[in-house]
Amino acid sequence: MNVTRSEFVTSSSEVSQCPPARLPEFAFIGRSNVGKSSLINMLMNRKDLAHTSTQPGKTQTINHYKVNNAWFLVDLPGYGYARASRSARQQWGEMIEGYLTQRTQLLITFVLIDCRLEPQPIDLDFVHWMGEQQLPFAMVFTKVDKLKQTEFARTRKLWEEELKDDWEELPLMFATSAEKKTGRDKLVDYLEHVMKAHPPS
């Protein structure tokens, strides 16, 4: 897939405010400071489509970006930002859960994981919740340029070990680096594959 056009459309604080158009959607989510905005910019070949920040928890709304006038890339709030108030975290949680379970045009969610960290409880809980809800998702390891190949292989193995007892089939996993553009082609090609497998009705 060639990304020839990408544009910000709207930010929504409630699921009911999301665009009504029936274009397919692909959501991106991860714990705070996982590098989500940088990954989105890399995928879209843009430097400033999604605003990056050194302050975790910057994304607080559901942000829709229209790509090639054919589908939406959806940037969801990061989970697990400790400095946010409890009420704010609860509100984000309800908004995220509502979006993931109610948007029928959502084809797949990409759960971003910082490859430099061993499996974190908050990430494990979210991945298991997605499985329990039978929501299609893939895992995207970010910042792989920060590790040696052997170090990343160890992180991936730890995740596989954590999941294998509860999963008949492990989620699809991608290795990416926004800085080096590692994994971009594989991820974009997978998006195209999923869309072809789910043509508009």
N, C-alpha and C. Protein backbone atom coordinates (compact mmCIF):
# COMPACT_ATOMS: atom_id res chain seq x y z
N MET A 1 0.84 -1.20 0.00
CA MET A 1 0.00 0.00 0.00
C MET A 1 0.87 1.25 0.00
N ASN A 2 0.57 2.18 -0.88
CA ASN A 2 1.21 3.48 -0.88
C ASN A 2 0.32 4.48 -0.17
N VAL A 3 0.86 5.13 0.84
CA VAL A 3 0.10 6.16 1.54
C VAL A 3 0.33 7.47 0.80
N THR A 4 -0.68 7.93 0.08
CA THR A 4 -0.56 9.15 -0.71
C THR A 4 -1.23 10.35 -0.06
N ARG A 5 -2.10 10.09 0.90
CA ARG A 5 -2.82 11.19 1.55
C ARG A 5 -3.19 10.79 2.96
N SER A 6 -2.93 11.65 3.90
CA SER A 6 -3.34 11.42 5.29
C SER A 6 -3.65 12.76 5.93
N GLU A 7 -4.77 12.81 6.64
CA GLU A 7 -5.18 14.08 7.21
C GLU A 7 -5.94 13.86 8.52
N PHE A 8 -5.72 14.76 9.46
CA PHE A 8 -6.48 14.73 10.71
C PHE A 8 -7.92 15.12 10.43
N VAL A 9 -8.86 14.36 11.02
CA VAL A 9 -10.28 14.63 10.79
C VAL A 9 -10.94 15.20 12.04
N THR A 10 -10.83 14.49 13.16
CA THR A 10 -11.53 14.96 14.36
C THR A 10 -11.01 14.28 15.61
N SER A 11 -11.22 14.93 16.74
CA SER A 11 -10.96 14.35 18.06
C SER A 11 -12.30 14.18 18.76
N SER A 12 -12.48 13.04 19.41
CA SER A 12 -13.75 12.74 20.07
C SER A 12 -13.50 12.37 21.53
N SER A 13 -14.28 12.94 22.41
CA SER A 13 -14.18 12.61 23.82
C SER A 13 -15.18 11.53 24.21
N GLU A 14 -16.08 11.19 23.28
CA GLU A 14 -17.04 10.12 23.48
C GLU A 14 -17.17 9.32 22.19
N VAL A 15 -17.48 8.05 22.32
CA VAL A 15 -17.60 7.19 21.15
C VAL A 15 -18.69 7.70 20.21
N SER A 16 -19.75 8.25 20.77
CA SER A 16 -20.86 8.74 19.96
C SER A 16 -20.46 9.90 19.06
N GLN A 17 -19.34 10.55 19.36
CA GLN A 17 -18.88 11.68 18.57
C GLN A 17 -17.99 11.26 17.40
N CYS A 18 -17.62 9.99 17.34
CA CYS A 18 -16.73 9.52 16.28
C CYS A 18 -17.41 9.65 14.92
N PRO A 19 -16.63 9.75 13.85
CA PRO A 19 -17.21 9.92 12.50
C PRO A 19 -18.21 8.83 12.17
N PRO A 20 -19.33 9.18 11.58
CA PRO A 20 -20.36 8.19 11.25
C PRO A 20 -20.05 7.38 10.01
N ALA A 21 -19.09 7.85 9.19
CA ALA A 21 -18.78 7.15 7.94
C ALA A 21 -18.38 5.71 8.21
N ARG A 22 -18.74 4.83 7.29
CA ARG A 22 -18.50 3.41 7.48
C ARG A 22 -17.17 2.96 6.90
N LEU A 23 -16.21 3.83 6.85
CA LEU A 23 -14.88 3.43 6.39
C LEU A 23 -14.25 2.50 7.42
N PRO A 24 -13.44 1.54 6.97
CA PRO A 24 -12.76 0.66 7.92
C PRO A 24 -11.80 1.44 8.80
N GLU A 25 -11.61 0.96 10.03
CA GLU A 25 -10.75 1.64 10.99
C GLU A 25 -9.70 0.69 11.54
N PHE A 26 -8.52 1.25 11.80
CA PHE A 26 -7.43 0.54 12.46
C PHE A 26 -6.98 1.38 13.64
N ALA A 27 -7.04 0.83 14.84
CA ALA A 27 -6.73 1.59 16.04
C ALA A 27 -5.34 1.27 16.56
N PHE A 28 -4.72 2.26 17.18
CA PHE A 28 -3.40 2.12 17.79
C PHE A 28 -3.49 2.54 19.25
N ILE A 29 -2.99 1.68 20.12
CA ILE A 29 -3.06 1.96 21.55
C ILE A 29 -1.84 1.37 22.24
N GLY A 30 -1.49 1.91 23.39
CA GLY A 30 -0.36 1.40 24.17
C GLY A 30 -0.22 2.18 25.45
N ARG A 31 0.64 1.69 26.31
CA ARG A 31 0.85 2.42 27.56
C ARG A 31 1.50 3.77 27.27
N SER A 32 1.37 4.71 28.17
CA SER A 32 1.88 6.05 27.96
C SER A 32 3.37 6.03 27.65
N ASN A 33 3.78 6.87 26.71
CA ASN A 33 5.18 7.05 26.34
C ASN A 33 5.76 5.84 25.60
N VAL A 34 4.91 5.08 24.92
CA VAL A 34 5.38 3.90 24.19
C VAL A 34 5.90 4.27 22.80
N GLY A 35 5.65 5.52 22.38
CA GLY A 35 6.09 5.94 21.06
C GLY A 35 5.01 5.84 20.00
N LYS A 36 3.76 5.99 20.42
CA LYS A 36 2.62 5.79 19.51
C LYS A 36 2.59 6.87 18.43
N SER A 37 2.70 8.13 18.82
CA SER A 37 2.63 9.20 17.83
C SER A 37 3.78 9.11 16.83
N SER A 38 4.95 8.77 17.30
CA SER A 38 6.10 8.62 16.40
C SER A 38 5.87 7.50 15.40
N LEU A 39 5.28 6.40 15.87
CA LEU A 39 4.99 5.28 14.98
C LEU A 39 3.96 5.67 13.93
N ILE A 40 2.91 6.37 14.34
CA ILE A 40 1.88 6.81 13.40
C ILE A 40 2.49 7.71 12.32
N ASN A 41 3.32 8.66 12.74
CA ASN A 41 3.97 9.55 11.77
C ASN A 41 4.85 8.76 10.81
N MET A 42 5.55 7.76 11.31
CA MET A 42 6.40 6.94 10.46
C MET A 42 5.57 6.17 9.44
N LEU A 43 4.47 5.59 9.87
CA LEU A 43 3.62 4.82 8.97
C LEU A 43 3.04 5.70 7.87
N MET A 44 2.70 6.92 8.21
CA MET A 44 2.08 7.84 7.25
C MET A 44 3.09 8.65 6.47
N ASN A 45 4.39 8.44 6.71
CA ASN A 45 5.44 9.21 6.05
C ASN A 45 5.28 10.71 6.30
N ARG A 46 4.91 11.04 7.53
CA ARG A 46 4.73 12.44 7.92
C ARG A 46 5.54 12.70 9.18
N LYS A 47 5.96 13.93 9.37
CA LYS A 47 6.72 14.28 10.56
C LYS A 47 5.83 14.80 11.68
N ASP A 48 4.69 15.36 11.32
CA ASP A 48 3.89 16.06 12.32
C ASP A 48 2.40 15.77 12.23
N LEU A 49 2.02 14.62 11.65
CA LEU A 49 0.60 14.30 11.57
C LEU A 49 0.04 14.11 12.97
N ALA A 50 0.68 13.23 13.74
CA ALA A 50 0.33 13.05 15.15
C ALA A 50 1.38 13.78 15.98
N HIS A 51 0.94 14.57 16.91
CA HIS A 51 1.86 15.39 17.70
C HIS A 51 2.55 14.55 18.77
N THR A 52 3.88 14.56 18.72
CA THR A 52 4.66 13.84 19.73
C THR A 52 4.95 14.76 20.90
N SER A 53 5.21 14.15 22.04
CA SER A 53 5.47 14.94 23.24
C SER A 53 6.35 14.14 24.19
N THR A 54 7.18 14.85 24.94
CA THR A 54 7.98 14.18 25.97
C THR A 54 7.16 13.94 27.23
N GLN A 55 5.97 14.54 27.28
CA GLN A 55 5.09 14.37 28.43
C GLN A 55 4.14 13.21 28.18
N PRO A 56 4.21 12.14 28.98
CA PRO A 56 3.30 11.02 28.79
C PRO A 56 1.86 11.43 29.00
N GLY A 57 0.95 10.69 28.37
CA GLY A 57 -0.46 10.93 28.58
C GLY A 57 -1.02 12.08 27.79
N LYS A 58 -0.31 12.53 26.74
CA LYS A 58 -0.77 13.69 25.98
C LYS A 58 -2.07 13.40 25.24
N THR A 59 -2.19 12.21 24.64
CA THR A 59 -3.41 11.86 23.92
C THR A 59 -4.51 11.54 24.92
N GLN A 60 -5.58 12.33 24.90
CA GLN A 60 -6.68 12.15 25.84
C GLN A 60 -8.02 11.99 25.13
N THR A 61 -7.99 11.93 23.82
CA THR A 61 -9.21 11.78 23.04
C THR A 61 -9.01 10.71 21.98
N ILE A 62 -10.11 10.32 21.33
CA ILE A 62 -10.04 9.41 20.19
C ILE A 62 -9.80 10.25 18.94
N ASN A 63 -8.63 10.09 18.33
CA ASN A 63 -8.26 10.93 17.19
C ASN A 63 -8.33 10.13 15.89
N HIS A 64 -9.11 10.63 14.96
CA HIS A 64 -9.29 9.99 13.66
C HIS A 64 -8.47 10.68 12.58
N TYR A 65 -7.73 9.90 11.82
CA TYR A 65 -6.98 10.38 10.66
C TYR A 65 -7.45 9.60 9.43
N LYS A 66 -7.88 10.31 8.39
CA LYS A 66 -8.32 9.65 7.16
C LYS A 66 -7.11 9.42 6.25
N VAL A 67 -6.99 8.19 5.75
CA VAL A 67 -5.84 7.81 4.93
C VAL A 67 -6.32 7.40 3.54
N ASN A 68 -5.73 8.01 2.53
CA ASN A 68 -6.06 7.70 1.12
C ASN A 68 -7.56 7.79 0.84
N ASN A 69 -8.27 8.56 1.65
CA ASN A 69 -9.73 8.68 1.52
C ASN A 69 -10.42 7.32 1.56
N ALA A 70 -9.76 6.33 2.17
CA ALA A 70 -10.28 4.96 2.12
C ALA A 70 -10.44 4.32 3.49
N TRP A 71 -9.70 4.79 4.49
CA TRP A 71 -9.79 4.18 5.81
C TRP A 71 -9.32 5.17 6.86
N PHE A 72 -9.67 4.84 8.12
CA PHE A 72 -9.28 5.68 9.24
C PHE A 72 -8.19 5.01 10.08
N LEU A 73 -7.16 5.77 10.39
CA LEU A 73 -6.22 5.39 11.42
C LEU A 73 -6.68 6.09 12.70
N VAL A 74 -6.83 5.34 13.78
CA VAL A 74 -7.40 5.88 15.01
C VAL A 74 -6.37 5.82 16.14
N ASP A 75 -6.06 6.98 16.67
CA ASP A 75 -5.09 7.12 17.76
C ASP A 75 -5.86 7.18 19.07
N LEU A 76 -5.70 6.15 19.90
CA LEU A 76 -6.42 6.07 21.17
C LEU A 76 -5.55 6.55 22.33
N PRO A 77 -6.17 7.03 23.42
CA PRO A 77 -5.39 7.46 24.58
C PRO A 77 -4.53 6.32 25.13
N GLY A 78 -3.36 6.68 25.62
CA GLY A 78 -2.50 5.69 26.26
C GLY A 78 -3.05 5.30 27.62
N TYR A 79 -2.84 4.06 27.99
CA TYR A 79 -3.31 3.62 29.30
C TYR A 79 -2.14 3.60 30.29
N GLY A 80 -2.47 3.73 31.55
CA GLY A 80 -1.44 3.57 32.58
C GLY A 80 -0.64 4.80 32.92
N TYR A 81 -1.14 6.00 32.60
CA TYR A 81 -0.41 7.21 32.95
C TYR A 81 -0.69 7.56 34.40
N ALA A 82 0.28 7.31 35.26
CA ALA A 82 0.08 7.40 36.71
C ALA A 82 -0.22 8.82 37.18
N ARG A 83 0.29 9.84 36.50
CA ARG A 83 0.12 11.21 36.98
C ARG A 83 -1.26 11.77 36.66
N ALA A 84 -2.01 11.10 35.81
CA ALA A 84 -3.38 11.55 35.56
C ALA A 84 -4.25 11.25 36.78
N SER A 85 -5.28 12.05 36.97
CA SER A 85 -6.15 11.82 38.10
C SER A 85 -6.91 10.50 37.93
N ARG A 86 -7.36 9.94 39.05
CA ARG A 86 -8.09 8.68 38.99
C ARG A 86 -9.35 8.82 38.15
N SER A 87 -10.05 9.95 38.29
CA SER A 87 -11.27 10.15 37.52
C SER A 87 -10.97 10.25 36.02
N ALA A 88 -9.84 10.89 35.68
CA ALA A 88 -9.45 10.99 34.27
C ALA A 88 -9.12 9.62 33.72
N ARG A 89 -8.37 8.82 34.48
CA ARG A 89 -8.01 7.47 34.02
C ARG A 89 -9.27 6.62 33.84
N GLN A 90 -10.22 6.76 34.74
CA GLN A 90 -11.47 6.01 34.63
C GLN A 90 -12.24 6.43 33.39
N GLN A 91 -12.26 7.74 33.13
CA GLN A 91 -12.98 8.25 31.96
C GLN A 91 -12.33 7.73 30.68
N TRP A 92 -10.99 7.79 30.61
CA TRP A 92 -10.30 7.28 29.43
C TRP A 92 -10.61 5.80 29.26
N GLY A 93 -10.59 5.05 30.39
CA GLY A 93 -10.83 3.62 30.32
C GLY A 93 -12.20 3.31 29.75
N GLU A 94 -13.22 4.03 30.22
CA GLU A 94 -14.58 3.83 29.71
C GLU A 94 -14.66 4.19 28.23
N MET A 95 -13.97 5.27 27.85
CA MET A 95 -14.00 5.71 26.46
C MET A 95 -13.31 4.69 25.56
N ILE A 96 -12.15 4.20 25.99
CA ILE A 96 -11.41 3.21 25.21
C ILE A 96 -12.21 1.92 25.08
N GLU A 97 -12.76 1.44 26.21
CA GLU A 97 -13.54 0.20 26.18
C GLU A 97 -14.75 0.35 25.27
N GLY A 98 -15.42 1.50 25.37
CA GLY A 98 -16.59 1.73 24.53
C GLY A 98 -16.23 1.72 23.06
N TYR A 99 -15.14 2.38 22.73
CA TYR A 99 -14.72 2.42 21.32
C TYR A 99 -14.38 1.01 20.82
N LEU A 100 -13.57 0.29 21.57
CA LEU A 100 -13.10 -1.02 21.11
C LEU A 100 -14.23 -2.04 20.98
N THR A 101 -15.25 -1.92 21.81
CA THR A 101 -16.32 -2.91 21.80
C THR A 101 -17.52 -2.50 20.95
N GLN A 102 -17.63 -1.22 20.60
CA GLN A 102 -18.82 -0.74 19.90
C GLN A 102 -18.60 -0.40 18.43
N ARG A 103 -17.37 -0.11 18.02
CA ARG A 103 -17.13 0.32 16.64
C ARG A 103 -17.09 -0.89 15.72
N THR A 104 -18.17 -1.12 15.01
CA THR A 104 -18.26 -2.31 14.16
C THR A 104 -17.32 -2.23 12.96
N GLN A 105 -16.91 -1.02 12.57
CA GLN A 105 -16.01 -0.88 11.43
C GLN A 105 -14.53 -1.01 11.83
N LEU A 106 -14.26 -1.22 13.12
CA LEU A 106 -12.89 -1.42 13.58
C LEU A 106 -12.43 -2.83 13.18
N LEU A 107 -11.44 -2.90 12.30
CA LEU A 107 -10.99 -4.20 11.80
C LEU A 107 -9.95 -4.84 12.71
N ILE A 108 -9.04 -4.04 13.24
CA ILE A 108 -8.01 -4.60 14.12
C ILE A 108 -7.40 -3.49 14.95
N THR A 109 -6.96 -3.83 16.14
CA THR A 109 -6.28 -2.89 17.03
C THR A 109 -4.82 -3.30 17.16
N PHE A 110 -3.94 -2.34 17.04
CA PHE A 110 -2.51 -2.59 17.21
C PHE A 110 -2.12 -2.14 18.62
N VAL A 111 -1.68 -3.11 19.43
CA VAL A 111 -1.28 -2.83 20.80
C VAL A 111 0.23 -2.64 20.83
N LEU A 112 0.66 -1.44 21.17
CA LEU A 112 2.08 -1.11 21.13
C LEU A 112 2.76 -1.48 22.44
N ILE A 113 3.94 -2.08 22.32
CA ILE A 113 4.71 -2.55 23.47
C ILE A 113 6.14 -2.03 23.36
N ASP A 114 6.63 -1.41 24.41
CA ASP A 114 8.03 -0.95 24.44
C ASP A 114 8.94 -2.16 24.57
N CYS A 115 9.73 -2.45 23.54
CA CYS A 115 10.53 -3.67 23.53
C CYS A 115 11.65 -3.66 24.56
N ARG A 116 11.95 -2.49 25.14
CA ARG A 116 13.04 -2.41 26.10
C ARG A 116 12.65 -2.93 27.49
N LEU A 117 11.35 -3.16 27.68
CA LEU A 117 10.85 -3.57 28.98
C LEU A 117 10.40 -5.02 28.96
N GLU A 118 10.60 -5.71 30.07
CA GLU A 118 10.01 -7.04 30.21
C GLU A 118 8.49 -6.88 30.28
N PRO A 119 7.74 -7.93 30.01
CA PRO A 119 6.27 -7.81 30.04
C PRO A 119 5.77 -7.13 31.31
N GLN A 120 5.05 -6.04 31.13
CA GLN A 120 4.53 -5.27 32.25
C GLN A 120 3.10 -5.72 32.57
N PRO A 121 2.74 -5.74 33.86
CA PRO A 121 1.39 -6.18 34.23
C PRO A 121 0.28 -5.43 33.50
N ILE A 122 0.44 -4.12 33.32
CA ILE A 122 -0.62 -3.34 32.68
C ILE A 122 -0.79 -3.74 31.22
N ASP A 123 0.33 -4.05 30.54
CA ASP A 123 0.24 -4.51 29.15
C ASP A 123 -0.36 -5.91 29.08
N LEU A 124 0.07 -6.77 29.98
CA LEU A 124 -0.47 -8.13 30.01
C LEU A 124 -1.97 -8.11 30.28
N ASP A 125 -2.38 -7.28 31.22
CA ASP A 125 -3.82 -7.19 31.53
C ASP A 125 -4.61 -6.74 30.31
N PHE A 126 -4.07 -5.76 29.59
CA PHE A 126 -4.81 -5.24 28.43
C PHE A 126 -4.88 -6.29 27.32
N VAL A 127 -3.77 -6.96 27.05
CA VAL A 127 -3.75 -7.99 26.02
C VAL A 127 -4.72 -9.12 26.37
N HIS A 128 -4.72 -9.54 27.62
CA HIS A 128 -5.65 -10.60 28.03
C HIS A 128 -7.11 -10.13 27.94
N TRP A 129 -7.35 -8.86 28.27
CA TRP A 129 -8.71 -8.32 28.15
C TRP A 129 -9.17 -8.36 26.70
N MET A 130 -8.28 -7.97 25.78
CA MET A 130 -8.62 -8.01 24.36
C MET A 130 -8.99 -9.44 23.95
N GLY A 131 -8.23 -10.41 24.44
CA GLY A 131 -8.52 -11.80 24.12
C GLY A 131 -9.85 -12.26 24.70
N GLU A 132 -10.11 -11.86 25.93
CA GLU A 132 -11.37 -12.25 26.57
C GLU A 132 -12.57 -11.66 25.84
N GLN A 133 -12.40 -10.46 25.29
CA GLN A 133 -13.48 -9.81 24.55
C GLN A 133 -13.55 -10.29 23.11
N GLN A 134 -12.61 -11.14 22.73
CA GLN A 134 -12.52 -11.67 21.36
C GLN A 134 -12.43 -10.54 20.33
N LEU A 135 -11.60 -9.55 20.67
CA LEU A 135 -11.36 -8.42 19.79
C LEU A 135 -10.07 -8.65 19.01
N PRO A 136 -10.09 -8.57 17.70
CA PRO A 136 -8.88 -8.83 16.92
C PRO A 136 -7.81 -7.78 17.16
N PHE A 137 -6.58 -8.24 17.38
CA PHE A 137 -5.50 -7.31 17.61
C PHE A 137 -4.17 -7.95 17.22
N ALA A 138 -3.18 -7.10 17.05
CA ALA A 138 -1.80 -7.53 16.83
C ALA A 138 -0.91 -6.72 17.76
N MET A 139 0.23 -7.28 18.11
CA MET A 139 1.18 -6.59 18.99
C MET A 139 2.27 -5.94 18.14
N VAL A 140 2.62 -4.71 18.50
CA VAL A 140 3.66 -3.98 17.78
C VAL A 140 4.73 -3.56 18.78
N PHE A 141 5.88 -4.18 18.69
CA PHE A 141 7.00 -3.80 19.56
C PHE A 141 7.64 -2.54 18.98
N THR A 142 7.78 -1.51 19.80
CA THR A 142 8.37 -0.24 19.37
C THR A 142 9.82 -0.13 19.86
N LYS A 143 10.55 0.79 19.22
CA LYS A 143 11.91 1.18 19.63
C LYS A 143 12.90 0.03 19.55
N VAL A 144 12.75 -0.86 18.55
CA VAL A 144 13.66 -2.01 18.46
C VAL A 144 15.08 -1.58 18.11
N ASP A 145 15.25 -0.35 17.62
CA ASP A 145 16.61 0.14 17.33
C ASP A 145 17.41 0.37 18.60
N LYS A 146 16.73 0.40 19.74
CA LYS A 146 17.40 0.65 21.02
C LYS A 146 18.01 -0.62 21.61
N LEU A 147 17.74 -1.77 21.00
CA LEU A 147 18.24 -3.05 21.52
C LEU A 147 19.03 -3.80 20.47
N LYS A 148 19.91 -4.67 20.93
CA LYS A 148 20.56 -5.62 20.04
C LYS A 148 19.53 -6.68 19.65
N GLN A 149 19.76 -7.35 18.55
CA GLN A 149 18.81 -8.36 18.09
C GLN A 149 18.59 -9.45 19.14
N THR A 150 19.66 -9.83 19.82
CA THR A 150 19.54 -10.87 20.84
C THR A 150 18.71 -10.39 22.02
N GLU A 151 18.82 -9.10 22.34
CA GLU A 151 18.05 -8.55 23.45
C GLU A 151 16.56 -8.49 23.10
N PHE A 152 16.26 -8.08 21.87
CA PHE A 152 14.86 -8.05 21.46
C PHE A 152 14.29 -9.46 21.38
N ALA A 153 15.08 -10.41 20.91
CA ALA A 153 14.62 -11.80 20.83
C ALA A 153 14.25 -12.30 22.23
N ARG A 154 14.99 -11.87 23.22
CA ARG A 154 14.69 -12.27 24.60
C ARG A 154 13.36 -11.68 25.05
N THR A 155 13.13 -10.38 24.75
CA THR A 155 11.87 -9.75 25.11
C THR A 155 10.69 -10.46 24.46
N ARG A 156 10.82 -10.76 23.18
CA ARG A 156 9.75 -11.43 22.46
C ARG A 156 9.50 -12.82 23.05
N LYS A 157 10.57 -13.51 23.40
CA LYS A 157 10.42 -14.84 24.00
C LYS A 157 9.70 -14.76 25.33
N LEU A 158 10.00 -13.74 26.12
CA LEU A 158 9.32 -13.57 27.41
C LEU A 158 7.82 -13.38 27.20
N TRP A 159 7.46 -12.59 26.19
CA TRP A 159 6.04 -12.40 25.90
C TRP A 159 5.38 -13.70 25.46
N GLU A 160 6.05 -14.43 24.62
CA GLU A 160 5.49 -15.71 24.15
C GLU A 160 5.29 -16.66 25.31
N GLU A 161 6.24 -16.67 26.24
CA GLU A 161 6.13 -17.54 27.41
C GLU A 161 4.96 -17.12 28.30
N GLU A 162 4.75 -15.79 28.42
CA GLU A 162 3.66 -15.29 29.25
C GLU A 162 2.29 -15.65 28.67
N LEU A 163 2.20 -15.72 27.35
CA LEU A 163 0.90 -15.89 26.71
C LEU A 163 0.57 -17.33 26.35
N LYS A 164 1.57 -18.16 26.17
CA LYS A 164 1.32 -19.46 25.56
C LYS A 164 0.40 -20.36 26.38
N ASP A 165 0.38 -20.20 27.70
CA ASP A 165 -0.45 -21.07 28.54
C ASP A 165 -1.95 -20.77 28.39
N ASP A 166 -2.28 -19.55 28.00
CA ASP A 166 -3.68 -19.13 27.94
C ASP A 166 -4.20 -18.94 26.52
N TRP A 167 -3.33 -19.02 25.54
CA TRP A 167 -3.71 -18.74 24.17
C TRP A 167 -3.48 -19.95 23.29
N GLU A 168 -4.52 -20.32 22.53
CA GLU A 168 -4.36 -21.41 21.57
C GLU A 168 -3.45 -20.98 20.42
N GLU A 169 -3.55 -19.72 20.05
CA GLU A 169 -2.72 -19.16 18.98
C GLU A 169 -2.23 -17.79 19.43
N LEU A 170 -0.92 -17.57 19.36
CA LEU A 170 -0.36 -16.31 19.82
C LEU A 170 -0.73 -15.17 18.86
N PRO A 171 -0.87 -13.96 19.39
CA PRO A 171 -1.16 -12.81 18.52
C PRO A 171 -0.02 -12.59 17.53
N LEU A 172 -0.35 -12.00 16.40
CA LEU A 172 0.66 -11.61 15.44
C LEU A 172 1.52 -10.51 16.06
N MET A 173 2.84 -10.57 15.82
CA MET A 173 3.76 -9.62 16.43
C MET A 173 4.61 -8.95 15.36
N PHE A 174 4.77 -7.62 15.49
CA PHE A 174 5.60 -6.83 14.58
C PHE A 174 6.71 -6.14 15.37
N ALA A 175 7.86 -5.99 14.74
CA ALA A 175 8.99 -5.27 15.33
C ALA A 175 9.17 -3.97 14.56
N THR A 176 9.17 -2.83 15.27
CA THR A 176 9.24 -1.54 14.58
C THR A 176 10.20 -0.57 15.26
N SER A 177 10.65 0.38 14.48
CA SER A 177 11.41 1.52 14.99
C SER A 177 10.99 2.74 14.18
N ALA A 178 10.41 3.72 14.84
CA ALA A 178 10.01 4.94 14.15
C ALA A 178 11.22 5.69 13.64
N GLU A 179 12.30 5.65 14.39
CA GLU A 179 13.51 6.38 14.01
C GLU A 179 14.16 5.79 12.77
N LYS A 180 14.22 4.47 12.68
CA LYS A 180 14.87 3.78 11.56
C LYS A 180 13.88 3.33 10.49
N LYS A 181 12.59 3.53 10.74
CA LYS A 181 11.52 3.07 9.85
C LYS A 181 11.50 1.55 9.70
N THR A 182 12.01 0.89 10.70
CA THR A 182 11.99 -0.57 10.72
C THR A 182 10.56 -1.08 10.83
N GLY A 183 10.22 -2.05 10.02
CA GLY A 183 8.91 -2.69 10.11
C GLY A 183 7.78 -1.96 9.42
N ARG A 184 8.06 -0.80 8.82
CA ARG A 184 6.98 -0.02 8.22
C ARG A 184 6.30 -0.79 7.09
N ASP A 185 7.09 -1.33 6.17
CA ASP A 185 6.50 -2.02 5.00
C ASP A 185 5.65 -3.20 5.43
N LYS A 186 6.13 -3.98 6.38
CA LYS A 186 5.37 -5.15 6.83
C LYS A 186 4.05 -4.73 7.46
N LEU A 187 4.08 -3.67 8.24
CA LEU A 187 2.86 -3.22 8.92
C LEU A 187 1.86 -2.65 7.93
N VAL A 188 2.32 -1.84 7.00
CA VAL A 188 1.43 -1.24 6.01
C VAL A 188 0.87 -2.32 5.08
N ASP A 189 1.71 -3.28 4.69
CA ASP A 189 1.22 -4.39 3.86
C ASP A 189 0.16 -5.21 4.59
N TYR A 190 0.34 -5.36 5.89
CA TYR A 190 -0.65 -6.11 6.67
C TYR A 190 -1.98 -5.35 6.73
N LEU A 191 -1.92 -4.04 6.86
CA LEU A 191 -3.14 -3.23 6.82
C LEU A 191 -3.89 -3.47 5.52
N GLU A 192 -3.17 -3.46 4.43
CA GLU A 192 -3.79 -3.68 3.12
C GLU A 192 -4.38 -5.08 3.03
N HIS A 193 -3.67 -6.07 3.57
CA HIS A 193 -4.16 -7.45 3.56
C HIS A 193 -5.48 -7.57 4.33
N VAL A 194 -5.55 -6.94 5.49
CA VAL A 194 -6.76 -7.01 6.31
C VAL A 194 -7.93 -6.33 5.59
N MET A 195 -7.66 -5.19 4.96
CA MET A 195 -8.75 -4.51 4.24
C MET A 195 -9.27 -5.36 3.08
N LYS A 196 -8.38 -6.02 2.36
CA LYS A 196 -8.80 -6.87 1.24
C LYS A 196 -9.62 -8.05 1.75
N ALA A 197 -9.30 -8.51 2.95
CA ALA A 197 -10.03 -9.64 3.52
C ALA A 197 -11.39 -9.24 4.08
N HIS A 198 -11.61 -7.93 4.23
CA HIS A 198 -12.89 -7.42 4.76
C HIS A 198 -13.41 -6.33 3.83
N PRO A 199 -13.81 -6.67 2.62
CA PRO A 199 -14.33 -5.66 1.69
C PRO A 199 -15.62 -5.07 2.21
N PRO A 200 -15.92 -3.81 1.85
CA PRO A 200 -17.17 -3.19 2.31
C PRO A 200 -18.37 -4.00 1.86
N SER A 201 -19.36 -4.11 2.75
CA SER A 201 -20.56 -4.89 2.41
C SER A 201 -21.54 -4.04 1.62
